[in-house]
């Protein structure tokens, strides 16, 4: 049986089923120190005053800049295919108004 040779610049990435499901986030908070960037992905739900951090990613400054470039490139490609993304003005922090009625017992 012949072994399949891996190209020198090819990376084999494994994606588990659990991670492939993803985590929904509708708020991200980014902070940094002199050596790292921390991105907290948060899920807020209507009329609940407490939100949970669902995932935290810690990046070196170099990787944060690479992510910025890659995200910018992907947004441009998305907009070229589907049209301009609207509503990019930043809402008041934190954006807690979901325009839903308050729950009553």
N, C-alpha and C. Protein backbone atom coordinates (compact mmCIF):
# COMPACT_ATOMS: atom_id res chain seq x y z
N UNK A 1 0.83 -1.17 0.00
CA UNK A 1 0.00 0.00 0.00
C UNK A 1 0.89 1.25 0.00
N UNK A 2 0.64 2.17 -0.88
CA UNK A 2 1.44 3.38 -0.99
C UNK A 2 0.99 4.39 0.06
N UNK A 3 1.96 5.02 0.69
CA UNK A 3 1.66 6.06 1.66
C UNK A 3 1.41 7.37 0.94
N UNK A 4 0.39 8.10 1.37
CA UNK A 4 0.08 9.39 0.77
C UNK A 4 1.03 10.42 1.34
N UNK A 5 1.78 11.09 0.46
CA UNK A 5 2.71 12.11 0.91
C UNK A 5 1.98 13.42 1.13
N UNK A 6 2.32 14.09 2.22
CA UNK A 6 1.72 15.38 2.54
C UNK A 6 2.58 16.47 1.91
N UNK A 7 1.92 17.42 1.26
CA UNK A 7 2.62 18.55 0.68
C UNK A 7 3.35 19.31 1.79
N UNK A 8 4.51 19.92 1.50
CA UNK A 8 5.28 20.59 2.54
C UNK A 8 4.54 21.72 3.25
N UNK A 9 3.71 22.48 2.55
CA UNK A 9 3.00 23.61 3.16
C UNK A 9 1.54 23.29 3.44
N UNK A 10 1.21 22.02 3.55
CA UNK A 10 -0.17 21.62 3.80
C UNK A 10 -0.34 21.31 5.28
N UNK A 11 -1.47 21.73 5.84
CA UNK A 11 -1.75 21.49 7.25
C UNK A 11 -3.01 20.65 7.35
N UNK A 12 -2.93 19.58 8.08
CA UNK A 12 -4.07 18.70 8.30
C UNK A 12 -4.77 19.15 9.59
N UNK A 13 -6.01 19.65 9.46
CA UNK A 13 -6.75 20.17 10.61
C UNK A 13 -7.89 19.24 10.95
N UNK A 14 -7.98 18.86 12.22
CA UNK A 14 -9.06 17.99 12.68
C UNK A 14 -10.14 18.84 13.33
N UNK A 15 -11.39 18.57 12.99
CA UNK A 15 -12.53 19.29 13.54
C UNK A 15 -13.48 18.27 14.15
N UNK A 16 -13.58 18.29 15.48
CA UNK A 16 -14.45 17.33 16.16
C UNK A 16 -15.91 17.70 15.89
N UNK A 17 -16.79 16.74 16.05
CA UNK A 17 -18.22 16.97 15.82
C UNK A 17 -18.76 18.04 16.77
N UNK A 18 -18.33 18.00 18.02
CA UNK A 18 -18.79 18.97 19.02
C UNK A 18 -18.39 20.39 18.63
N UNK A 19 -17.14 20.57 18.23
CA UNK A 19 -16.66 21.89 17.85
C UNK A 19 -17.31 22.34 16.54
N UNK A 20 -17.56 21.41 15.63
CA UNK A 20 -18.17 21.74 14.34
C UNK A 20 -19.57 22.32 14.49
N UNK A 21 -20.26 21.99 15.58
CA UNK A 21 -21.60 22.54 15.83
C UNK A 21 -21.55 24.05 16.05
N UNK A 22 -20.44 24.56 16.54
CA UNK A 22 -20.29 25.98 16.77
C UNK A 22 -21.00 26.45 18.02
N UNK A 23 -20.73 27.70 18.37
CA UNK A 23 -21.35 28.34 19.52
C UNK A 23 -21.88 29.68 19.04
N UNK A 24 -23.15 29.95 19.26
CA UNK A 24 -23.74 31.21 18.85
C UNK A 24 -23.32 32.32 19.80
N UNK A 25 -22.92 33.44 19.23
CA UNK A 25 -22.54 34.61 20.02
C UNK A 25 -23.12 35.84 19.34
N UNK A 26 -23.67 36.77 20.15
CA UNK A 26 -24.17 38.01 19.57
C UNK A 26 -23.50 39.23 20.20
N UNK A 27 -22.39 38.98 20.89
CA UNK A 27 -21.59 40.07 21.44
C UNK A 27 -20.17 39.56 21.64
N UNK A 28 -19.20 40.38 21.29
CA UNK A 28 -17.80 40.05 21.54
C UNK A 28 -17.16 41.22 22.27
N UNK A 29 -16.38 40.90 23.27
CA UNK A 29 -15.63 41.92 24.00
C UNK A 29 -14.15 41.60 23.82
N UNK A 30 -13.41 42.59 23.38
CA UNK A 30 -11.99 42.40 23.09
C UNK A 30 -11.17 43.26 24.04
N UNK A 31 -10.20 42.63 24.67
CA UNK A 31 -9.27 43.36 25.53
C UNK A 31 -7.85 42.93 25.18
N UNK A 32 -6.88 43.66 25.68
CA UNK A 32 -5.49 43.30 25.36
C UNK A 32 -4.54 43.75 26.46
N UNK A 33 -3.40 43.09 26.46
CA UNK A 33 -2.28 43.49 27.30
C UNK A 33 -1.11 43.74 26.35
N UNK A 34 0.09 43.90 26.89
CA UNK A 34 1.23 44.12 26.00
C UNK A 34 1.65 42.85 25.27
N UNK A 35 1.11 41.69 25.65
CA UNK A 35 1.55 40.45 25.02
C UNK A 35 0.44 39.59 24.42
N UNK A 36 -0.84 39.99 24.63
CA UNK A 36 -1.91 39.14 24.10
C UNK A 36 -3.21 39.91 23.92
N UNK A 37 -4.05 39.39 23.04
CA UNK A 37 -5.41 39.87 22.86
C UNK A 37 -6.34 38.78 23.38
N UNK A 38 -7.40 39.19 24.07
CA UNK A 38 -8.39 38.26 24.59
C UNK A 38 -9.73 38.63 23.96
N UNK A 39 -10.37 37.66 23.30
CA UNK A 39 -11.67 37.87 22.70
C UNK A 39 -12.66 36.97 23.42
N UNK A 40 -13.62 37.59 24.11
CA UNK A 40 -14.68 36.86 24.78
C UNK A 40 -15.93 36.91 23.91
N UNK A 41 -16.45 35.74 23.55
CA UNK A 41 -17.69 35.64 22.78
C UNK A 41 -18.82 35.37 23.75
N UNK A 42 -19.83 36.22 23.71
CA UNK A 42 -20.90 36.22 24.71
C UNK A 42 -22.24 36.01 24.03
N UNK A 43 -23.13 35.32 24.71
CA UNK A 43 -24.50 35.16 24.23
C UNK A 43 -25.43 35.89 25.18
N UNK A 44 -26.13 36.88 24.62
CA UNK A 44 -27.14 37.61 25.39
C UNK A 44 -28.50 37.14 24.91
N UNK A 45 -29.43 37.01 25.85
CA UNK A 45 -30.80 36.62 25.49
C UNK A 45 -31.75 37.71 25.95
N UNK A 46 -32.89 37.85 25.27
CA UNK A 46 -33.83 38.92 25.60
C UNK A 46 -34.28 38.89 27.05
N UNK A 47 -34.33 40.07 27.65
CA UNK A 47 -34.87 40.28 28.99
C UNK A 47 -34.18 39.50 30.09
N UNK A 48 -32.96 39.10 29.86
CA UNK A 48 -32.17 38.44 30.90
C UNK A 48 -30.98 39.36 31.17
N UNK A 49 -30.88 39.88 32.40
CA UNK A 49 -29.84 40.87 32.68
C UNK A 49 -28.44 40.28 32.79
N UNK A 50 -28.32 38.98 32.77
CA UNK A 50 -27.02 38.35 32.91
C UNK A 50 -26.67 37.62 31.61
N UNK A 51 -25.49 37.87 31.10
CA UNK A 51 -25.03 37.20 29.88
C UNK A 51 -23.83 36.33 30.21
N UNK A 52 -23.64 35.27 29.44
CA UNK A 52 -22.55 34.33 29.71
C UNK A 52 -21.51 34.37 28.61
N UNK A 53 -20.25 34.32 29.03
CA UNK A 53 -19.16 34.13 28.07
C UNK A 53 -19.22 32.68 27.63
N UNK A 54 -19.40 32.46 26.34
CA UNK A 54 -19.52 31.10 25.81
C UNK A 54 -18.19 30.56 25.32
N UNK A 55 -17.27 31.47 24.97
CA UNK A 55 -15.96 31.03 24.50
C UNK A 55 -14.97 32.17 24.66
N UNK A 56 -13.73 31.84 24.98
CA UNK A 56 -12.66 32.83 25.09
C UNK A 56 -11.50 32.38 24.21
N UNK A 57 -11.05 33.30 23.37
CA UNK A 57 -9.91 33.03 22.50
C UNK A 57 -8.79 33.99 22.90
N UNK A 58 -7.59 33.45 23.10
CA UNK A 58 -6.43 34.27 23.46
C UNK A 58 -5.45 34.20 22.30
N UNK A 59 -5.04 35.37 21.81
CA UNK A 59 -4.18 35.46 20.63
C UNK A 59 -2.95 36.31 20.92
N UNK A 60 -1.86 36.00 20.22
CA UNK A 60 -0.71 36.90 20.25
C UNK A 60 -1.07 38.13 19.41
N UNK A 61 -0.41 39.25 19.61
CA UNK A 61 -0.69 40.43 18.77
C UNK A 61 -0.54 40.13 17.27
N UNK A 62 0.44 39.32 16.91
CA UNK A 62 0.64 38.97 15.50
C UNK A 62 -0.55 38.19 14.96
N UNK A 63 -1.04 37.23 15.72
CA UNK A 63 -2.20 36.45 15.27
C UNK A 63 -3.47 37.30 15.25
N UNK A 64 -3.60 38.23 16.19
CA UNK A 64 -4.75 39.13 16.19
C UNK A 64 -4.77 39.96 14.91
N UNK A 65 -3.61 40.44 14.49
CA UNK A 65 -3.55 41.23 13.26
C UNK A 65 -3.85 40.36 12.05
N UNK A 66 -3.36 39.13 12.03
CA UNK A 66 -3.68 38.21 10.93
C UNK A 66 -5.17 37.92 10.88
N UNK A 67 -5.80 37.76 12.05
CA UNK A 67 -7.25 37.55 12.10
C UNK A 67 -7.99 38.76 11.55
N UNK A 68 -7.55 39.96 11.92
CA UNK A 68 -8.15 41.19 11.42
C UNK A 68 -8.09 41.25 9.90
N UNK A 69 -6.95 40.95 9.32
CA UNK A 69 -6.78 40.96 7.86
C UNK A 69 -7.66 39.90 7.22
N UNK A 70 -7.69 38.70 7.79
CA UNK A 70 -8.48 37.61 7.22
C UNK A 70 -9.97 37.90 7.31
N UNK A 71 -10.42 38.47 8.42
CA UNK A 71 -11.83 38.81 8.59
C UNK A 71 -12.23 39.91 7.62
N UNK A 72 -11.39 40.92 7.48
CA UNK A 72 -11.65 42.00 6.53
C UNK A 72 -11.75 41.46 5.10
N UNK A 73 -10.86 40.56 4.73
CA UNK A 73 -10.88 39.95 3.40
C UNK A 73 -12.18 39.16 3.19
N UNK A 74 -12.59 38.41 4.19
CA UNK A 74 -13.81 37.62 4.07
C UNK A 74 -15.07 38.49 4.02
N UNK A 75 -15.08 39.59 4.75
CA UNK A 75 -16.23 40.50 4.69
C UNK A 75 -16.33 41.10 3.29
N UNK A 76 -15.20 41.50 2.71
CA UNK A 76 -15.21 42.05 1.35
C UNK A 76 -15.73 41.02 0.35
N UNK A 77 -15.29 39.76 0.48
CA UNK A 77 -15.76 38.70 -0.42
C UNK A 77 -17.25 38.45 -0.23
N UNK A 78 -17.71 38.44 1.02
CA UNK A 78 -19.14 38.25 1.32
C UNK A 78 -19.95 39.35 0.66
N UNK A 79 -19.53 40.61 0.86
CA UNK A 79 -20.28 41.73 0.31
C UNK A 79 -20.26 41.73 -1.22
N UNK A 80 -19.19 41.28 -1.82
CA UNK A 80 -19.15 41.19 -3.28
C UNK A 80 -20.16 40.16 -3.78
N UNK A 81 -20.37 39.12 -3.01
CA UNK A 81 -21.29 38.05 -3.41
C UNK A 81 -22.74 38.34 -3.02
N UNK A 82 -22.97 38.89 -1.83
CA UNK A 82 -24.33 39.02 -1.30
C UNK A 82 -24.80 40.47 -1.10
N UNK A 83 -23.93 41.43 -1.27
CA UNK A 83 -24.30 42.83 -1.06
C UNK A 83 -23.75 43.35 0.25
N UNK A 84 -23.82 44.67 0.38
CA UNK A 84 -23.23 45.36 1.53
C UNK A 84 -23.95 44.97 2.82
N UNK A 85 -23.20 44.72 3.84
CA UNK A 85 -23.74 44.44 5.17
C UNK A 85 -24.11 45.79 5.79
N UNK A 86 -25.35 45.93 6.22
CA UNK A 86 -25.79 47.20 6.80
C UNK A 86 -25.84 47.10 8.32
N UNK A 87 -26.02 48.27 8.95
CA UNK A 87 -26.15 48.29 10.40
C UNK A 87 -24.85 48.12 11.11
N UNK A 88 -23.77 48.67 10.57
CA UNK A 88 -22.47 48.47 11.20
C UNK A 88 -22.13 49.50 12.26
N UNK A 89 -23.03 50.50 12.48
CA UNK A 89 -22.77 51.45 13.55
C UNK A 89 -22.84 50.71 14.88
N UNK A 90 -21.98 51.10 15.78
CA UNK A 90 -21.95 50.42 17.07
C UNK A 90 -23.12 50.88 17.93
N UNK A 91 -23.91 49.94 18.45
CA UNK A 91 -25.01 50.30 19.34
C UNK A 91 -24.45 50.69 20.71
N UNK A 92 -25.30 51.31 21.56
CA UNK A 92 -24.84 51.62 22.91
C UNK A 92 -24.39 50.34 23.61
N UNK A 93 -23.37 50.44 24.38
CA UNK A 93 -22.82 49.25 25.05
C UNK A 93 -23.45 49.08 26.41
N UNK A 94 -23.85 47.89 26.81
CA UNK A 94 -24.10 46.74 25.95
C UNK A 94 -25.48 46.86 25.29
N UNK A 95 -25.64 46.33 24.10
CA UNK A 95 -26.94 46.44 23.41
C UNK A 95 -27.95 45.48 24.02
N UNK A 96 -28.69 45.93 24.99
CA UNK A 96 -29.60 45.06 25.73
C UNK A 96 -31.04 45.14 25.24
N UNK A 97 -31.37 46.04 24.31
CA UNK A 97 -32.75 46.20 23.87
C UNK A 97 -33.05 45.25 22.72
N UNK A 98 -33.81 44.19 22.99
CA UNK A 98 -34.19 43.22 21.97
C UNK A 98 -35.59 43.50 21.43
N UNK A 99 -36.23 44.58 21.92
CA UNK A 99 -37.60 44.92 21.48
C UNK A 99 -38.58 43.78 21.65
N UNK A 100 -38.51 43.11 22.79
CA UNK A 100 -39.44 42.03 23.09
C UNK A 100 -40.18 42.38 24.37
N UNK A 101 -41.40 41.89 24.54
CA UNK A 101 -42.13 42.20 25.77
C UNK A 101 -41.48 41.55 26.99
N UNK A 102 -41.62 42.21 28.11
CA UNK A 102 -41.08 41.66 29.36
C UNK A 102 -41.90 40.43 29.77
N UNK A 103 -41.21 39.43 30.26
CA UNK A 103 -41.87 38.21 30.72
C UNK A 103 -42.65 38.51 31.99
N UNK A 104 -43.81 37.93 32.10
CA UNK A 104 -44.65 38.10 33.28
C UNK A 104 -45.13 36.74 33.77
N UNK A 105 -45.21 36.61 35.09
CA UNK A 105 -45.68 35.34 35.66
C UNK A 105 -47.15 35.42 35.97
